[in-house]
C-alpha atoms as a PDB file:
ATOM      1  CA  MET A   1     -21.947  -8.550  10.957  1.00  0.00           C
ATOM      2  CA  ARG A   2     -19.269  -9.077   8.304  1.00  0.00           C
ATOM      3  CA  LYS A   3     -16.176 -10.867   9.525  1.00  0.00           C
ATOM      4  CA  ARG A   4     -12.977  -8.794   9.488  1.00  0.00           C
ATOM      5  CA  THR A   5     -10.789 -11.044   7.377  1.00  0.00           C
ATOM      6  CA  ILE A   6      -8.892 -10.646   4.150  1.00  0.00           C
ATOM      7  CA  SER A   7      -8.722 -13.388   1.537  1.00  0.00           C
ATOM      8  CA  SER A   8      -5.272 -14.812   0.941  1.00  0.00           C
ATOM      9  CA  ASN A   9      -5.204 -13.652  -2.691  1.00  0.00           C
ATOM     10  CA  GLY A  10      -6.344 -10.097  -1.951  1.00  0.00           C
ATOM     11  CA  ASN A  11      -9.402 -10.386  -4.196  1.00  0.00           C
ATOM     12  CA  GLY A  12     -12.034 -10.781  -1.507  1.00  0.00           C
ATOM     13  CA  PRO A  13     -13.972  -8.067   0.285  1.00  0.00           C
ATOM     14  CA  VAL A  14     -12.035  -5.495   2.230  1.00  0.00           C
ATOM     15  CA  PRO A  15     -12.960  -5.387   5.915  1.00  0.00           C
ATOM     16  CA  ARG A  16     -14.947  -2.361   7.011  1.00  0.00           C
ATOM     17  CA  ALA A  17     -13.337   0.206   9.208  1.00  0.00           C
ATOM     18  CA  PRO A  18     -13.950  -0.509  12.887  1.00  0.00           C
ATOM     19  CA  ALA A  19     -16.905   1.373  14.343  1.00  0.00           C
ATOM     20  CA  THR A  20     -14.645   2.700  17.108  1.00  0.00           C
ATOM     21  CA  LEU A  21     -12.577   4.783  14.667  1.00  0.00           C
ATOM     22  CA  PRO A  22     -13.336   8.508  14.480  1.00  0.00           C
ATOM     23  CA  GLU A  23     -14.708   9.687  11.125  1.00  0.00           C
ATOM     24  CA  ASP A  24     -11.302  10.858   9.827  1.00  0.00           C
ATOM     25  CA  GLY A  25      -9.912   7.392  10.550  1.00  0.00           C
ATOM     26  CA  LYS A  26     -12.806   5.736   8.720  1.00  0.00           C
ATOM     27  CA  ILE A  27     -12.254   7.958   5.697  1.00  0.00           C
ATOM     28  CA  PHE A  28      -8.551   7.073   5.718  1.00  0.00           C
ATOM     29  CA  TRP A  29      -9.456   3.365   5.948  1.00  0.00           C
ATOM     30  CA  ARG A  30     -11.884   3.566   3.020  1.00  0.00           C
ATOM     31  CA  ARG A  31      -9.350   5.405   0.849  1.00  0.00           C
ATOM     32  CA  HIS A  32      -6.394   3.105   1.460  1.00  0.00           C
ATOM     33  CA  ALA A  33      -7.395  -0.358   2.723  1.00  0.00           C
ATOM     34  CA  ALA A  34      -8.521  -1.728  -0.647  1.00  0.00           C
ATOM     35  CA  LYS A  35      -5.300  -0.635  -2.409  1.00  0.00           C
ATOM     36  CA  LEU A  36      -3.172  -2.167   0.306  1.00  0.00           C
ATOM     37  CA  VAL A  37      -5.132  -5.435   0.314  1.00  0.00           C
ATOM     38  CA  LYS A  38      -4.942  -5.695  -3.471  1.00  0.00           C
ATOM     39  CA  SER A  39      -1.171  -5.101  -3.437  1.00  0.00           C
ATOM     40  CA  GLY A  40      -0.675  -7.665  -0.660  1.00  0.00           C
ATOM     41  CA  ARG A  41       0.569  -5.089   1.847  1.00  0.00           C
ATOM     42  CA  LEU A  42      -2.414  -5.483   4.190  1.00  0.00           C
ATOM     43  CA  ARG A  43      -3.113  -8.966   5.515  1.00  0.00           C
ATOM     44  CA  ASN A  44      -5.210 -10.372   8.352  1.00  0.00           C
ATOM     45  CA  ASP A  45      -2.331 -10.271  10.794  1.00  0.00           C
ATOM     46  CA  GLN A  46      -1.860  -6.551  10.059  1.00  0.00           C
ATOM     47  CA  LEU A  47      -5.429  -5.323  10.582  1.00  0.00           C
ATOM     48  CA  ALA A  48      -4.738  -4.132  14.137  1.00  0.00           C
ATOM     49  CA  SER A  49      -1.690  -2.163  12.931  1.00  0.00           C
ATOM     50  CA  PHE A  50      -3.694  -0.613  10.111  1.00  0.00           C
ATOM     51  CA  GLU A  51      -6.425   0.302  12.598  1.00  0.00           C
ATOM     52  CA  ALA A  52      -3.794   1.959  14.825  1.00  0.00           C
ATOM     53  CA  MET A  53      -2.488   3.856  11.782  1.00  0.00           C
ATOM     54  CA  ALA A  54      -5.990   5.106  10.989  1.00  0.00           C
ATOM     55  CA  MET A  55      -6.457   6.159  14.631  1.00  0.00           C
ATOM     56  CA  HIS A  56      -3.166   8.091  14.616  1.00  0.00           C
ATOM     57  CA  PHE A  57      -4.300   9.783  11.418  1.00  0.00           C
ATOM     58  CA  ALA A  58      -7.637  10.746  12.998  1.00  0.00           C
ATOM     59  CA  LEU A  59      -5.947  12.121  16.129  1.00  0.00           C
ATOM     60  CA  MET A  60      -3.514  14.097  13.982  1.00  0.00           C
ATOM     61  CA  CYS A  61      -6.453  15.601  12.059  1.00  0.00           C
ATOM     62  CA  ALA A  62      -8.269  16.455  15.303  1.00  0.00           C
ATOM     63  CA  ALA A  63      -5.172  18.182  16.708  1.00  0.00           C
ATOM     64  CA  ASN A  64      -4.799  20.135  13.477  1.00  0.00           C
ATOM     65  CA  ARG A  65      -8.385  21.353  13.696  1.00  0.00           C
ATOM     66  CA  VAL A  66      -7.763  22.548  17.264  1.00  0.00           C
ATOM     67  CA  LEU A  67      -4.640  24.421  16.149  1.00  0.00           C
ATOM     68  CA  VAL A  68      -6.489  26.026  13.239  1.00  0.00           C
ATOM     69  CA  GLU A  69      -9.303  27.081  15.573  1.00  0.00           C
ATOM     70  CA  ASP A  70      -7.237  28.199  18.579  1.00  0.00           C
ATOM     71  CA  GLY A  71      -4.020  29.281  16.921  1.00  0.00           C
ATOM     72  CA  PRO A  72      -0.493  28.036  17.619  1.00  0.00           C
ATOM     73  CA  THR A  73      -0.204  29.523  21.111  1.00  0.00           C
ATOM     74  CA  VAL A  74      -2.240  29.708  24.337  1.00  0.00           C
ATOM     75  CA  LYS A  75      -1.864  31.646  27.573  1.00  0.00           C
ATOM     76  CA  ASP A  76      -1.041  29.593  30.622  1.00  0.00           C
ATOM     77  CA  GLU A  77      -2.443  30.120  34.133  1.00  0.00           C
ATOM     78  CA  ARG A  78       0.046  32.948  34.736  1.00  0.00           C
ATOM     79  CA  GLY A  79      -0.824  34.697  31.479  1.00  0.00           C
ATOM     80  CA  LEU A  80       2.381  33.667  29.696  1.00  0.00           C
ATOM     81  CA  VAL A  81       2.130  32.777  26.020  1.00  0.00           C
ATOM     82  CA  ARG A  82       3.021  29.122  25.414  1.00  0.00           C
ATOM     83  CA  LYS A  83       2.985  26.708  22.525  1.00  0.00           C
ATOM     84  CA  HIS A  84      -0.451  25.089  22.206  1.00  0.00           C
ATOM     85  CA  PRO A  85      -0.555  21.560  23.746  1.00  0.00           C
ATOM     86  CA  ALA A  86      -2.131  20.303  20.514  1.00  0.00           C
ATOM     87  CA  HIS A  87       1.320  20.653  18.900  1.00  0.00           C
ATOM     88  CA  GLN A  88       2.526  17.716  20.987  1.00  0.00           C
ATOM     89  CA  VAL A  89      -0.526  15.634  20.079  1.00  0.00           C
ATOM     90  CA  MET A  90       0.042  16.440  16.397  1.00  0.00           C
ATOM     91  CA  ARG A  91       3.778  15.633  16.601  1.00  0.00           C
ATOM     92  CA  GLU A  92       3.351  12.312  18.400  1.00  0.00           C
ATOM     93  CA  ASN A  93       0.587  11.096  16.105  1.00  0.00           C
ATOM     94  CA  SER A  94       2.406  12.313  12.974  1.00  0.00           C
ATOM     95  CA  GLN A  95       5.495  10.340  13.964  1.00  0.00           C
ATOM     96  CA  ALA A  96       3.494   7.206  14.674  1.00  0.00           C
ATOM     97  CA  PHE A  97       1.569   7.626  11.414  1.00  0.00           C
ATOM     98  CA  ARG A  98       4.815   7.924   9.427  1.00  0.00           C
ATOM     99  CA  GLN A  99       6.157   4.755  11.044  1.00  0.00           C
ATOM    100  CA  TYR A 100       3.040   2.852  10.012  1.00  0.00           C
ATOM    101  CA  ALA A 101       3.200   4.386   6.526  1.00  0.00           C
ATOM    102  CA  ASP A 102       6.725   2.992   6.224  1.00  0.00           C
ATOM    103  CA  ARG A 103       5.555  -0.410   7.428  1.00  0.00           C
ATOM    104  CA  PHE A 104       2.812  -0.516   4.794  1.00  0.00           C
ATOM    105  CA  GLY A 105       4.976   0.845   1.986  1.00  0.00           C
ATOM    106  CA  MET A 106       2.919   3.997   1.595  1.00  0.00           C
ATOM    107  CA  ASN A 107       5.787   6.254   0.564  1.00  0.00           C
ATOM    108  CA  PRO A 108       8.458   5.857  -2.137  1.00  0.00           C
ATOM    109  CA  LYS A 109      11.368   5.214   0.239  1.00  0.00           C
ATOM    110  CA  ALA A 110       9.442   2.507   2.095  1.00  0.00           C
ATOM    111  CA  ARG A 111       8.369   0.860  -1.173  1.00  0.00           C
ATOM    112  CA  ASP A 112      12.038   0.727  -2.201  1.00  0.00           C
ATOM    113  CA  LYS A 113      12.963  -0.956   1.102  1.00  0.00           C
ATOM    114  CA  LEU A 114      10.145  -3.466   0.639  1.00  0.00           C
ATOM    115  CA  SER A 115      11.214  -4.057  -3.003  1.00  0.00           C
ATOM    116  CA  LEU A 116       7.791  -2.982  -4.249  1.00  0.00           C
ATOM    117  CA  PRO A 117       7.173  -1.473  -7.665  1.00  0.00           C
ATOM    118  CA  PRO A 118       6.321   2.237  -7.707  1.00  0.00           C
ATOM    119  CA  GLU A 119       2.627   2.925  -7.375  1.00  0.00           C
ATOM    120  CA  PRO A 120       0.528   5.897  -8.371  1.00  0.00           C
ATOM    121  CA  LEU A 121      -0.555   6.467  -4.749  1.00  0.00           C
ATOM    122  CA  GLU A 122      -1.402   9.963  -3.627  1.00  0.00           C
ATOM    123  CA  SER A 123       1.360  11.834  -1.911  1.00  0.00           C
ATOM    124  CA  LEU A 124       1.154  11.986   1.864  1.00  0.00           C
ATOM    125  CA  ASP A 125       0.933  15.778   1.532  1.00  0.00           C
ATOM    126  CA  ALA A 126      -2.149  15.506  -0.692  1.00  0.00           C
ATOM    127  CA  VAL A 127      -3.834  13.019   1.639  1.00  0.00           C
ATOM    128  CA  LEU A 128      -3.154  15.112   4.742  1.00  0.00           C
ATOM    129  CA  ARG A 129      -4.290  18.331   3.062  1.00  0.00           C
ATOM    130  CA  ARG A 130      -7.555  16.753   1.885  1.00  0.00           C
ATOM    131  CA  GLN A 131      -8.226  15.014   5.201  1.00  0.00           C
ATOM    132  CA  MET A 132      -7.555  18.128   7.216  1.00  0.00           C
ATOM    133  CA  ARG A 133      -9.543  20.211   4.737  1.00  0.00           C
ATOM    134  CA  GLN A 134      -6.779  22.778   4.487  1.00  0.00           C
ATOM    135  CA  PRO A 135      -5.885  24.865   1.450  1.00  0.00           C
ATOM    136  CA  ARG A 136      -2.506  24.404  -0.138  1.00  0.00           C
ATOM    137  CA  MET A 137       0.185  26.538   1.378  1.00  0.00           C
ATOM    138  CA  TRP A 138       1.522  27.420  -2.076  1.00  0.00           C
ATOM    139  CA  GLU A 139       0.313  27.118  -5.625  1.00  0.00           C
ATOM    140  CA  ASP A 140       2.024  25.056  -8.286  1.00  0.00           C
ATOM    141  CA  GLY A 141       4.761  27.137  -9.816  1.00  0.00           C
ATOM    142  CA  ASP A 142       5.220  29.276  -6.687  1.00  0.00           C
ATOM    143  CA  GLU A 143       8.568  28.967  -5.026  1.00  0.00           C
ATOM    144  CA  LYS A 144       8.521  27.258  -1.686  1.00  0.00           C
ATOM    145  CA  ASP A 145      11.113  27.153   1.043  1.00  0.00           C
ATOM    146  CA  GLU A 146      12.628  23.740   1.511  1.00  0.00           C
END
């Protein structure tokens, strides 16, 4: 079994995603760990935090799939229409994911705070859309509500 360590210069092998991560978390790990190691934003003492970030991402994706399948509302035991409980799971894991993204400098504002140069990383929107296998809500050039 390969040891989960990162070389001090960022040029060594990138640790594999933990086997305990759901598939969406492993995909996230494979897409982002190497870039973060190379840029010095992922070190040995941060592997547990990065694993937690990947887990939050996987749980967010799972909640999204439930919402897509079931719809945004459910009927409770009295037959009243209520917001689907998966909304709360999605919200909590989205918030935690964003906090980790800030910690790792994975968005422009966080990179500014960390005094990092801009990087051509994918937008969070593009990553989430691809991971959740959802079509874009609008096409380029279409107006969107902000």
